[in-house]
Structure formats: structure tokens, C-alpha cells
Amino acid sequence: MVEARGALPTRPPVMLRVARAQRVLGIDVSVDAAVAALDRLGLSPHVAGDVITVTPPACRYDLAIEEDLIEEVARLHGYDRIPATAPVGTQHLLSFSEAGRSA
């Protein structure tokens, strides 16, 4: 039997902007709540203002970008606790005369 030895690859840190998480999720997420969620995952978050930085362990290859951390915060917050509201916007339709329309 052969046993491979060596150092695991180091992972670059990933930053989570709490204001961005609030915009993406559409809910109020406090810095403390986001830190608590990431801490529960064993990610050892570091806070600087409203930016949280974590260095994912080598086994968490699914955590590479900010949206991955937002997804984890949403998952631990509870998807069922996020209101399902449709986006609101205005539409301006151009009016065409009957003569100008194609068949």
C-alpha cells in the first residue's frame, strides 16, 4: 500500500460584503449574524467593518467566491425565512400605429 504525503494546497481568502449579501438576499443580514453563520461552519471569519474574510479549508472546494459565502449565510439563516417577492420594475411599451405594424 502506498501512502501519499504532502501539504494540502492553500486556499485564497474569500471576502463577503454584508451590504452585498443584503442586496442579493433581499433581507436584513447583520454583520454579527453573518459572522455567527460562518463561524458555525468552522471558517474562522475575520471582520473589518462590514467586510468578512474567511479562508476556506482545503476540503471546502465549493467556497471560492463571495456568492458562495452568501449562499452559506442564506442556507444557515433558512431559505424558508427569506420572503419570496417578485422584483418590481416599470415597463414602457412603444405604441405603433396599425399601419406601421407588420403582418
PDB file of N, CA and C in Angstrom:
ATOM      1  N   MET A   1       0.848  -1.160   0.000  1.00  0.00           N
ATOM      2  CA  MET A   1       0.000   0.000   0.000  1.00  0.00           C
ATOM      3  C   MET A   1       0.902   1.233   0.000  1.00  0.00           C
ATOM      4  N   VAL A   2       0.505   2.236  -0.785  1.00  0.00           N
ATOM      5  CA  VAL A   2       1.276   3.465  -0.901  1.00  0.00           C
ATOM      6  C   VAL A   2       0.508   4.579  -0.211  1.00  0.00           C
ATOM      7  N   GLU A   3       1.199   5.327   0.593  1.00  0.00           N
ATOM      8  CA  GLU A   3       0.581   6.454   1.283  1.00  0.00           C
ATOM      9  C   GLU A   3       1.174   7.738   0.735  1.00  0.00           C
ATOM     10  N   ALA A   4       0.316   8.574   0.220  1.00  0.00           N
ATOM     11  CA  ALA A   4       0.778   9.853  -0.320  1.00  0.00           C
ATOM     12  C   ALA A   4       0.866  10.864   0.809  1.00  0.00           C
ATOM     13  N   ARG A   5       1.942  11.588   0.830  1.00  0.00           N
ATOM     14  CA  ARG A   5       2.126  12.620   1.849  1.00  0.00           C
ATOM     15  C   ARG A   5       2.458  13.932   1.156  1.00  0.00           C
ATOM     16  N   GLY A   6       2.121  14.960   1.820  1.00  0.00           N
ATOM     17  CA  GLY A   6       2.431  16.279   1.276  1.00  0.00           C
ATOM     18  C   GLY A   6       1.468  17.298   1.846  1.00  0.00           C
ATOM     19  N   ALA A   7       1.769  18.513   1.572  1.00  0.00           N
ATOM     20  CA  ALA A   7       0.934  19.593   2.076  1.00  0.00           C
ATOM     21  C   ALA A   7      -0.285  19.775   1.178  1.00  0.00           C
ATOM     22  N   LEU A   8      -1.400  20.049   1.805  1.00  0.00           N
ATOM     23  CA  LEU A   8      -2.608  20.354   1.042  1.00  0.00           C
ATOM     24  C   LEU A   8      -2.455  21.736   0.421  1.00  0.00           C
ATOM     25  N   PRO A   9      -3.091  21.963  -0.712  1.00  0.00           N
ATOM     26  CA  PRO A   9      -2.964  23.282  -1.324  1.00  0.00           C
ATOM     27  C   PRO A   9      -3.606  24.356  -0.456  1.00  0.00           C
ATOM     28  N   THR A  10      -2.978  25.515  -0.434  1.00  0.00           N
ATOM     29  CA  THR A  10      -3.554  26.610   0.338  1.00  0.00           C
ATOM     30  C   THR A  10      -4.645  27.268  -0.489  1.00  0.00           C
ATOM     31  N   ARG A  11      -5.653  27.753   0.198  1.00  0.00           N
ATOM     32  CA  ARG A  11      -6.793  28.388  -0.458  1.00  0.00           C
ATOM     33  C   ARG A  11      -6.688  29.894  -0.283  1.00  0.00           C
ATOM     34  N   PRO A  12      -7.019  30.639  -1.316  1.00  0.00           N
ATOM     35  CA  PRO A  12      -7.016  32.094  -1.151  1.00  0.00           C
ATOM     36  C   PRO A  12      -8.197  32.525  -0.291  1.00  0.00           C
ATOM     37  N   PRO A  13      -8.066  33.618   0.441  1.00  0.00           N
ATOM     38  CA  PRO A  13      -9.181  34.097   1.257  1.00  0.00           C
ATOM     39  C   PRO A  13     -10.325  34.591   0.379  1.00  0.00           C
ATOM     40  N   VAL A  14     -11.537  34.478   0.922  1.00  0.00           N
ATOM     41  CA  VAL A  14     -12.741  34.925   0.235  1.00  0.00           C
ATOM     42  C   VAL A  14     -13.392  35.999   1.104  1.00  0.00           C
ATOM     43  N   MET A  15     -13.770  37.118   0.464  1.00  0.00           N
ATOM     44  CA  MET A  15     -14.384  38.214   1.207  1.00  0.00           C
ATOM     45  C   MET A  15     -15.890  38.240   0.976  1.00  0.00           C
ATOM     46  N   LEU A  16     -16.610  38.578   2.032  1.00  0.00           N
ATOM     47  CA  LEU A  16     -18.061  38.725   1.978  1.00  0.00           C
ATOM     48  C   LEU A  16     -18.409  40.127   2.438  1.00  0.00           C
ATOM     49  N   ARG A  17     -19.016  40.910   1.537  1.00  0.00           N
ATOM     50  CA  ARG A  17     -19.506  42.236   1.899  1.00  0.00           C
ATOM     51  C   ARG A  17     -20.939  42.082   2.372  1.00  0.00           C
ATOM     52  N   VAL A  18     -21.205  42.468   3.592  1.00  0.00           N
ATOM     53  CA  VAL A  18     -22.527  42.276   4.188  1.00  0.00           C
ATOM     54  C   VAL A  18     -23.582  43.064   3.410  1.00  0.00           C
ATOM     55  N   ALA A  19     -23.242  44.259   2.940  1.00  0.00           N
ATOM     56  CA  ALA A  19     -24.191  45.051   2.156  1.00  0.00           C
ATOM     57  C   ALA A  19     -24.563  44.316   0.868  1.00  0.00           C
ATOM     58  N   ARG A  20     -23.620  43.643   0.257  1.00  0.00           N
ATOM     59  CA  ARG A  20     -23.904  42.859  -0.960  1.00  0.00           C
ATOM     60  C   ARG A  20     -24.800  41.679  -0.628  1.00  0.00           C
ATOM     61  N   ALA A  21     -24.546  41.019   0.481  1.00  0.00           N
ATOM     62  CA  ALA A  21     -25.388  39.900   0.893  1.00  0.00           C
ATOM     63  C   ALA A  21     -26.827  40.361   1.108  1.00  0.00           C
ATOM     64  N   GLN A  22     -26.990  41.537   1.688  1.00  0.00           N
ATOM     65  CA  GLN A  22     -28.338  42.075   1.897  1.00  0.00           C
ATOM     66  C   GLN A  22     -29.026  42.350   0.574  1.00  0.00           C
ATOM     67  N   ARG A  23     -28.286  42.899  -0.410  1.00  0.00           N
ATOM     68  CA  ARG A  23     -28.887  43.172  -1.716  1.00  0.00           C
ATOM     69  C   ARG A  23     -29.262  41.887  -2.444  1.00  0.00           C
ATOM     70  N   VAL A  24     -28.391  40.900  -2.400  1.00  0.00           N
ATOM     71  CA  VAL A  24     -28.641  39.647  -3.113  1.00  0.00           C
ATOM     72  C   VAL A  24     -29.794  38.872  -2.488  1.00  0.00           C
ATOM     73  N   LEU A  25     -29.810  38.799  -1.161  1.00  0.00           N
ATOM     74  CA  LEU A  25     -30.833  38.004  -0.476  1.00  0.00           C
ATOM     75  C   LEU A  25     -32.140  38.766  -0.282  1.00  0.00           C
ATOM     76  N   GLY A  26     -32.081  40.082  -0.280  1.00  0.00           N
ATOM     77  CA  GLY A  26     -33.292  40.868  -0.074  1.00  0.00           C
ATOM     78  C   GLY A  26     -33.773  40.873   1.361  1.00  0.00           C
ATOM     79  N   ILE A  27     -32.881  40.588   2.295  1.00  0.00           N
ATOM     80  CA  ILE A  27     -33.227  40.594   3.721  1.00  0.00           C
ATOM     81  C   ILE A  27     -32.150  41.360   4.480  1.00  0.00           C
ATOM     82  N   ASP A  28     -32.491  41.745   5.701  1.00  0.00           N
ATOM     83  CA  ASP A  28     -31.521  42.395   6.570  1.00  0.00           C
ATOM     84  C   ASP A  28     -30.615  41.348   7.196  1.00  0.00           C
ATOM     85  N   VAL A  29     -29.355  41.391   6.859  1.00  0.00           N
ATOM     86  CA  VAL A  29     -28.365  40.482   7.440  1.00  0.00           C
ATOM     87  C   VAL A  29     -27.368  41.345   8.197  1.00  0.00           C
ATOM     88  N   SER A  30     -27.266  41.128   9.487  1.00  0.00           N
ATOM     89  CA  SER A  30     -26.297  41.893  10.268  1.00  0.00           C
ATOM     90  C   SER A  30     -24.921  41.252  10.158  1.00  0.00           C
ATOM     91  N   VAL A  31     -23.920  42.041  10.456  1.00  0.00           N
ATOM     92  CA  VAL A  31     -22.548  41.519  10.459  1.00  0.00           C
ATOM     93  C   VAL A  31     -22.432  40.390  11.476  1.00  0.00           C
ATOM     94  N   ASP A  32     -23.048  40.592  12.649  1.00  0.00           N
ATOM     95  CA  ASP A  32     -22.975  39.566  13.699  1.00  0.00           C
ATOM     96  C   ASP A  32     -23.626  38.257  13.258  1.00  0.00           C
ATOM     97  N   ALA A  33     -24.769  38.347  12.569  1.00  0.00           N
ATOM     98  CA  ALA A  33     -25.460  37.133  12.107  1.00  0.00           C
ATOM     99  C   ALA A  33     -24.638  36.410  11.050  1.00  0.00           C
ATOM    100  N   ALA A  34     -24.030  37.167  10.125  1.00  0.00           N
ATOM    101  CA  ALA A  34     -23.203  36.543   9.094  1.00  0.00           C
ATOM    102  C   ALA A  34     -21.958  35.904   9.700  1.00  0.00           C
ATOM    103  N   VAL A  35     -21.338  36.593  10.659  1.00  0.00           N
ATOM    104  CA  VAL A  35     -20.162  36.030  11.336  1.00  0.00           C
ATOM    105  C   VAL A  35     -20.538  34.765  12.087  1.00  0.00           C
ATOM    106  N   ALA A  36     -21.679  34.789  12.770  1.00  0.00           N
ATOM    107  CA  ALA A  36     -22.120  33.605  13.518  1.00  0.00           C
ATOM    108  C   ALA A  36     -22.360  32.431  12.582  1.00  0.00           C
ATOM    109  N   ALA A  37     -22.961  32.692  11.421  1.00  0.00           N
ATOM    110  CA  ALA A  37     -23.228  31.617  10.462  1.00  0.00           C
ATOM    111  C   ALA A  37     -21.930  31.025   9.932  1.00  0.00           C
ATOM    112  N   LEU A  38     -20.989  31.878   9.564  1.00  0.00           N
ATOM    113  CA  LEU A  38     -19.721  31.381   9.031  1.00  0.00           C
ATOM    114  C   LEU A  38     -18.880  30.711  10.107  1.00  0.00           C
ATOM    115  N   ASP A  39     -19.015  31.188  11.338  1.00  0.00           N
ATOM    116  CA  ASP A  39     -18.297  30.562  12.451  1.00  0.00           C
ATOM    117  C   ASP A  39     -18.852  29.167  12.738  1.00  0.00           C
ATOM    118  N   ARG A  40     -20.163  29.004  12.585  1.00  0.00           N
ATOM    119  CA  ARG A  40     -20.768  27.671  12.785  1.00  0.00           C
ATOM    120  C   ARG A  40     -20.243  26.661  11.783  1.00  0.00           C
ATOM    121  N   LEU A  41     -19.801  27.140  10.628  1.00  0.00           N
ATOM    122  CA  LEU A  41     -19.233  26.252   9.614  1.00  0.00           C
ATOM    123  C   LEU A  41     -17.750  25.983   9.850  1.00  0.00           C
ATOM    124  N   GLY A  42     -17.186  26.608  10.885  1.00  0.00           N
ATOM    125  CA  GLY A  42     -15.777  26.407  11.200  1.00  0.00           C
ATOM    126  C   GLY A  42     -14.840  27.165  10.276  1.00  0.00           C
ATOM    127  N   LEU A  43     -15.292  28.302   9.733  1.00  0.00           N
ATOM    128  CA  LEU A  43     -14.489  29.037   8.768  1.00  0.00           C
ATOM    129  C   LEU A  43     -13.623  30.128   9.389  1.00  0.00           C
ATOM    130  N   SER A  44     -13.720  30.384  10.681  1.00  0.00           N
ATOM    131  CA  SER A  44     -12.930  31.397  11.395  1.00  0.00           C
ATOM    132  C   SER A  44     -12.958  32.747  10.688  1.00  0.00           C
ATOM    133  N   PRO A  45     -14.113  33.406  10.681  1.00  0.00           N
ATOM    134  CA  PRO A  45     -14.224  34.689   9.985  1.00  0.00           C
ATOM    135  C   PRO A  45     -13.467  35.807  10.691  1.00  0.00           C
ATOM    136  N   HIS A  46     -12.931  36.720   9.884  1.00  0.00           N
ATOM    137  CA  HIS A  46     -12.259  37.923  10.373  1.00  0.00           C
ATOM    138  C   HIS A  46     -13.048  39.121   9.863  1.00  0.00           C
ATOM    139  N   VAL A  47     -13.366  40.052  10.763  1.00  0.00           N
ATOM    140  CA  VAL A  47     -14.226  41.182  10.419  1.00  0.00           C
ATOM    141  C   VAL A  47     -13.410  42.462  10.350  1.00  0.00           C
ATOM    142  N   ALA A  48     -13.641  43.238   9.298  1.00  0.00           N
ATOM    143  CA  ALA A  48     -13.068  44.575   9.153  1.00  0.00           C
ATOM    144  C   ALA A  48     -14.183  45.467   8.615  1.00  0.00           C
ATOM    145  N   GLY A  49     -14.851  46.167   9.514  1.00  0.00           N
ATOM    146  CA  GLY A  49     -16.001  46.985   9.120  1.00  0.00           C
ATOM    147  C   GLY A  49     -17.179  46.096   8.772  1.00  0.00           C
ATOM    148  N   ASP A  50     -17.685  46.202   7.541  1.00  0.00           N
ATOM    149  CA  ASP A  50     -18.771  45.320   7.126  1.00  0.00           C
ATOM    150  C   ASP A  50     -18.284  44.290   6.105  1.00  0.00           C
ATOM    151  N   VAL A  51     -16.976  44.042   6.090  1.00  0.00           N
ATOM    152  CA  VAL A  51     -16.389  43.022   5.220  1.00  0.00           C
ATOM    153  C   VAL A  51     -15.883  41.881   6.090  1.00  0.00           C
ATOM    154  N   ILE A  52     -16.330  40.682   5.744  1.00  0.00           N
ATOM    155  CA  ILE A  52     -15.929  39.480   6.478  1.00  0.00           C
ATOM    156  C   ILE A  52     -15.028  38.669   5.556  1.00  0.00           C
ATOM    157  N   THR A  53     -13.882  38.266   6.064  1.00  0.00           N
ATOM    158  CA  THR A  53     -12.933  37.479   5.279  1.00  0.00           C
ATOM    159  C   THR A  53     -12.757  36.117   5.927  1.00  0.00           C
ATOM    160  N   VAL A  54     -12.839  35.083   5.098  1.00  0.00           N
ATOM    161  CA  VAL A  54     -12.603  33.714   5.580  1.00  0.00           C
ATOM    162  C   VAL A  54     -11.619  33.037   4.632  1.00  0.00           C
ATOM    163  N   THR A  55     -10.861  32.112   5.175  1.00  0.00           N
ATOM    164  CA  THR A  55     -10.010  31.260   4.356  1.00  0.00           C
ATOM    165  C   THR A  55     -10.583  29.858   4.421  1.00  0.00           C
ATOM    166  N   PRO A  56     -11.220  29.414   3.338  1.00  0.00           N
ATOM    167  CA  PRO A  56     -11.847  28.097   3.363  1.00  0.00           C
ATOM    168  C   PRO A  56     -10.819  26.987   3.515  1.00  0.00           C
ATOM    169  N   PRO A  57     -11.178  25.943   4.240  1.00  0.00           N
ATOM    170  CA  PRO A  57     -10.262  24.800   4.332  1.00  0.00           C
ATOM    171  C   PRO A  57     -10.189  24.075   2.987  1.00  0.00           C
ATOM    172  N   ALA A  58      -9.157  23.285   2.804  1.00  0.00           N
ATOM    173  CA  ALA A  58      -8.961  22.590   1.530  1.00  0.00           C
ATOM    174  C   ALA A  58     -10.122  21.673   1.181  1.00  0.00           C
ATOM    175  N   CYS A  59     -10.835  21.168   2.188  1.00  0.00           N
ATOM    176  CA  CYS A  59     -11.937  20.242   1.916  1.00  0.00           C
ATOM    177  C   CYS A  59     -13.198  20.966   1.428  1.00  0.00           C
ATOM    178  N   ARG A  60     -13.259  22.288   1.585  1.00  0.00           N
ATOM    179  CA  ARG A  60     -14.431  23.058   1.129  1.00  0.00           C
ATOM    180  C   ARG A  60     -14.119  23.719  -0.212  1.00  0.00           C
ATOM    181  N   TYR A  61     -13.966  22.903  -1.243  1.00  0.00           N
ATOM    182  CA  TYR A  61     -13.656  23.407  -2.570  1.00  0.00           C
ATOM    183  C   TYR A  61     -14.806  24.200  -3.167  1.00  0.00           C
ATOM    184  N   ASP A  62     -16.012  24.094  -2.560  1.00  0.00           N
ATOM    185  CA  ASP A  62     -17.182  24.797  -3.064  1.00  0.00           C
ATOM    186  C   ASP A  62     -17.230  26.252  -2.615  1.00  0.00           C
ATOM    187  N   LEU A  63     -16.311  26.691  -1.782  1.00  0.00           N
ATOM    188  CA  LEU A  63     -16.271  28.070  -1.310  1.00  0.00           C
ATOM    189  C   LEU A  63     -15.108  28.790  -1.987  1.00  0.00           C
ATOM    190  N   ALA A  64     -15.414  29.482  -3.089  1.00  0.00           N
ATOM    191  CA  ALA A  64     -14.345  30.138  -3.833  1.00  0.00           C
ATOM    192  C   ALA A  64     -14.614  31.610  -4.100  1.00  0.00           C
ATOM    193  N   ILE A  65     -15.902  32.002  -4.114  1.00  0.00           N
ATOM    194  CA  ILE A  65     -16.239  33.391  -4.424  1.00  0.00           C
ATOM    195  C   ILE A  65     -17.247  33.911  -3.398  1.00  0.00           C
ATOM    196  N   GLU A  66     -17.484  35.209  -3.450  1.00  0.00           N
ATOM    197  CA  GLU A  66     -18.369  35.853  -2.485  1.00  0.00           C
ATOM    198  C   GLU A  66     -19.773  35.252  -2.494  1.00  0.00           C
ATOM    199  N   GLU A  67     -20.288  34.924  -3.668  1.00  0.00           N
ATOM    200  CA  GLU A  67     -21.635  34.364  -3.763  1.00  0.00           C
ATOM    201  C   GLU A  67     -21.749  33.024  -3.054  1.00  0.00           C
ATOM    202  N   ASP A  68     -20.658  32.267  -2.993  1.00  0.00           N
ATOM    203  CA  ASP A  68     -20.668  31.001  -2.254  1.00  0.00           C
ATOM    204  C   ASP A  68     -20.899  31.250  -0.765  1.00  0.00           C
ATOM    205  N   LEU A  69     -20.264  32.298  -0.231  1.00  0.00           N
ATOM    206  CA  LEU A  69     -20.460  32.634   1.179  1.00  0.00           C
ATOM    207  C   LEU A  69     -21.868  33.169   1.420  1.00  0.00           C
ATOM    208  N   ILE A  70     -22.389  33.959   0.476  1.00  0.00           N
ATOM    209  CA  ILE A  70     -23.767  34.450   0.602  1.00  0.00           C
ATOM    210  C   ILE A  70     -24.730  33.280   0.639  1.00  0.00           C
ATOM    211  N   GLU A  71     -24.489  32.285  -0.194  1.00  0.00           N
ATOM    212  CA  GLU A  71     -25.330  31.092  -0.210  1.00  0.00           C
ATOM    213  C   GLU A  71     -25.289  30.356   1.131  1.00  0.00           C
ATOM    214  N   GLU A  72     -24.117  30.260   1.728  1.00  0.00           N
ATOM    215  CA  GLU A  72     -23.997  29.593   3.025  1.00  0.00           C
ATOM    216  C   GLU A  72     -24.726  30.378   4.111  1.00  0.00           C
ATOM    217  N   VAL A  73     -24.616  31.703   4.086  1.00  0.00           N
ATOM    218  CA  VAL A  73     -25.334  32.526   5.066  1.00  0.00           C
ATOM    219  C   VAL A  73     -26.836  32.335   4.884  1.00  0.00           C
ATOM    220  N   ALA A  74     -27.317  32.324   3.643  1.00  0.00           N
ATOM    221  CA  ALA A  74     -28.749  32.118   3.377  1.00  0.00           C
ATOM    222  C   ALA A  74     -29.200  30.739   3.835  1.00  0.00           C
ATOM    223  N   ARG A  75     -28.374  29.742   3.590  1.00  0.00           N
ATOM    224  CA  ARG A  75     -28.732  28.367   3.974  1.00  0.00           C
ATOM    225  C   ARG A  75     -28.870  28.247   5.480  1.00  0.00           C
ATOM    226  N   LEU A  76     -27.933  28.832   6.220  1.00  0.00           N
ATOM    227  CA  LEU A  76     -27.996  28.737   7.672  1.00  0.00           C
ATOM    228  C   LEU A  76     -29.063  29.660   8.261  1.00  0.00           C
ATOM    229  N   HIS A  77     -29.349  30.763   7.575  1.00  0.00           N
ATOM    230  CA  HIS A  77     -30.438  31.647   8.012  1.00  0.00           C
ATOM    231  C   HIS A  77     -31.773  30.926   7.844  1.00  0.00           C
ATOM    232  N   GLY A  78     -31.876  30.122   6.792  1.00  0.00           N
ATOM    233  CA  GLY A  78     -33.100  29.376   6.492  1.00  0.00           C
ATOM    234  C   GLY A  78     -33.750  29.914   5.232  1.00  0.00           C
ATOM    235  N   TYR A  79     -33.749  29.115   4.175  1.00  0.00           N
ATOM    236  CA  TYR A  79     -34.359  29.551   2.924  1.00  0.00           C
ATOM    237  C   TYR A  79     -35.832  29.894   3.114  1.00  0.00           C
ATOM    238  N   ASP A  80     -36.497  29.166   4.006  1.00  0.00           N
ATOM    239  CA  ASP A  80     -37.924  29.408   4.229  1.00  0.00           C
ATOM    240  C   ASP A  80     -38.179  30.730   4.948  1.00  0.00           C
ATOM    241  N   ARG A  81     -37.166  31.317   5.529  1.00  0.00           N
ATOM    242  CA  ARG A  81     -37.308  32.605   6.221  1.00  0.00           C
ATOM    243  C   ARG A  81     -37.010  33.789   5.308  1.00  0.00           C
ATOM    244  N   ILE A  82     -36.650  33.510   4.050  1.00  0.00           N
ATOM    245  CA  ILE A  82     -36.405  34.566   3.073  1.00  0.00           C
ATOM    246  C   ILE A  82     -37.685  34.750   2.274  1.00  0.00           C
ATOM    247  N   PRO A  83     -38.272  35.952   2.301  1.00  0.00           N
ATOM    248  CA  PRO A  83     -39.540  36.152   1.603  1.00  0.00           C
ATOM    249  C   PRO A  83     -39.376  36.029   0.090  1.00  0.00           C
ATOM    250  N   ALA A  84     -40.349  35.398  -0.521  1.00  0.00           N
ATOM    251  CA  ALA A  84     -40.352  35.237  -1.973  1.00  0.00           C
ATOM    252  C   ALA A  84     -41.149  36.380  -2.579  1.00  0.00           C
ATOM    253  N   THR A  85     -40.468  37.432  -2.954  1.00  0.00           N
ATOM    254  CA  THR A  85     -41.135  38.576  -3.560  1.00  0.00           C
ATOM    255  C   THR A  85     -40.595  38.764  -4.969  1.00  0.00           C
ATOM    256  N   ALA A  86     -41.494  39.039  -5.875  1.00  0.00           N
ATOM    257  CA  ALA A  86     -41.094  39.259  -7.256  1.00  0.00           C
ATOM    258  C   ALA A  86     -40.484  40.654  -7.396  1.00  0.00           C
ATOM    259  N   PRO A  87     -39.496  40.791  -8.253  1.00  0.00           N
ATOM    260  CA  PRO A  87     -38.920  42.108  -8.459  1.00  0.00           C
ATOM    261  C   PRO A  87     -39.932  43.059  -9.084  1.00  0.00           C
ATOM    262  N   VAL A  88     -39.817  44.321  -8.757  1.00  0.00           N
ATOM    263  CA  VAL A  88     -40.740  45.325  -9.256  1.00  0.00           C
ATOM    264  C   VAL A  88     -39.985  46.262 -10.185  1.00  0.00           C
ATOM    265  N   GLY A  89     -40.585  46.533 -11.316  1.00  0.00           N
ATOM    266  CA  GLY A  89     -39.977  47.454 -12.273  1.00  0.00           C
ATOM    267  C   GLY A  89     -41.047  48.058 -13.150  1.00  0.00           C
ATOM    268  N   THR A  90     -40.674  49.037 -13.914  1.00  0.00           N
ATOM    269  CA  THR A  90     -41.627  49.663 -14.819  1.00  0.00           C
ATOM    270  C   THR A  90     -41.281  49.286 -16.246  1.00  0.00           C
ATOM    271  N   GLN A  91     -42.300  49.166 -17.057  1.00  0.00           N
ATOM    272  CA  GLN A  91     -42.120  48.881 -18.471  1.00  0.00           C
ATOM    273  C   GLN A  91     -42.745  50.014 -19.266  1.00  0.00           C
ATOM    274  N   HIS A  92     -42.072  50.406 -20.285  1.00  0.00           N
ATOM    275  CA  HIS A  92     -42.593  51.426 -21.181  1.00  0.00           C
ATOM    276  C   HIS A  92     -42.706  50.788 -22.557  1.00  0.00           C
ATOM    277  N   LEU A  93     -43.925  50.510 -22.965  1.00  0.00           N
ATOM    278  CA  LEU A  93     -44.152  49.901 -24.266  1.00  0.00           C
ATOM    279  C   LEU A  93     -44.329  50.997 -25.304  1.00  0.00           C
ATOM    280  N   LEU A  94     -43.710  50.786 -26.422  1.00  0.00           N
ATOM    281  CA  LEU A  94     -43.854  51.734 -27.514  1.00  0.00           C
ATOM    282  C   LEU A  94     -45.157  51.460 -28.244  1.00  0.00           C
ATOM    283  N   SER A  95     -45.867  52.496 -28.583  1.00  0.00           N
ATOM    284  CA  SER A  95     -47.112  52.294 -29.314  1.00  0.00           C
ATOM    285  C   SER A  95     -46.840  52.456 -30.802  1.00  0.00           C
ATOM    286  N   PHE A  96     -47.376  51.540 -31.569  1.00  0.00           N
ATOM    287  CA  PHE A  96     -47.260  51.561 -33.019  1.00  0.00           C
ATOM    288  C   PHE A  96     -48.659  51.723 -33.596  1.00  0.00           C
ATOM    289  N   SER A  97     -48.704  52.435 -34.671  1.00  0.00           N
ATOM    290  CA  SER A  97     -49.997  52.565 -35.332  1.00  0.00           C
ATOM    291  C   SER A  97     -50.270  51.272 -36.099  1.00  0.00           C
ATOM    292  N   GLU A  98     -51.521  51.021 -36.429  1.00  0.00           N
ATOM    293  CA  GLU A  98     -51.906  49.818 -37.168  1.00  0.00           C
ATOM    294  C   GLU A  98     -51.206  49.781 -38.516  1.00  0.00           C
ATOM    295  N   ALA A  99     -50.985  50.922 -39.123  1.00  0.00           N
ATOM    296  CA  ALA A  99     -50.355  50.969 -40.441  1.00  0.00           C
ATOM    297  C   ALA A  99     -48.860  50.615 -40.352  1.00  0.00           C
ATOM    298  N   GLY A 100     -48.272  50.861 -39.216  1.00  0.00           N
ATOM    299  CA  GLY A 100     -46.859  50.606 -39.062  1.00  0.00           C
ATOM    300  C   GLY A 100     -46.505  49.194 -38.638  1.00  0.00           C
ATOM    301  N   ARG A 101     -47.478  48.411 -38.268  1.00  0.00           N
ATOM    302  CA  ARG A 101     -47.236  47.047 -37.803  1.00  0.00           C
ATOM    303  C   ARG A 101     -47.076  46.095 -38.983  1.00  0.00           C
ATOM    304  N   SER A 102     -46.226  45.114 -38.822  1.00  0.00           N
ATOM    305  CA  SER A 102     -46.072  44.111 -39.865  1.00  0.00           C
ATOM    306  C   SER A 102     -47.045  42.974 -39.598  1.00  0.00           C
ATOM    307  N   ALA A 103     -47.373  42.249 -40.642  1.00  0.00           N
ATOM    308  CA  ALA A 103     -48.363  41.178 -40.515  1.00  0.00           C
ATOM    309  C   ALA A 103     -47.824  39.967 -39.872  1.00  0.00           C
TER     310      ALA A 103
END
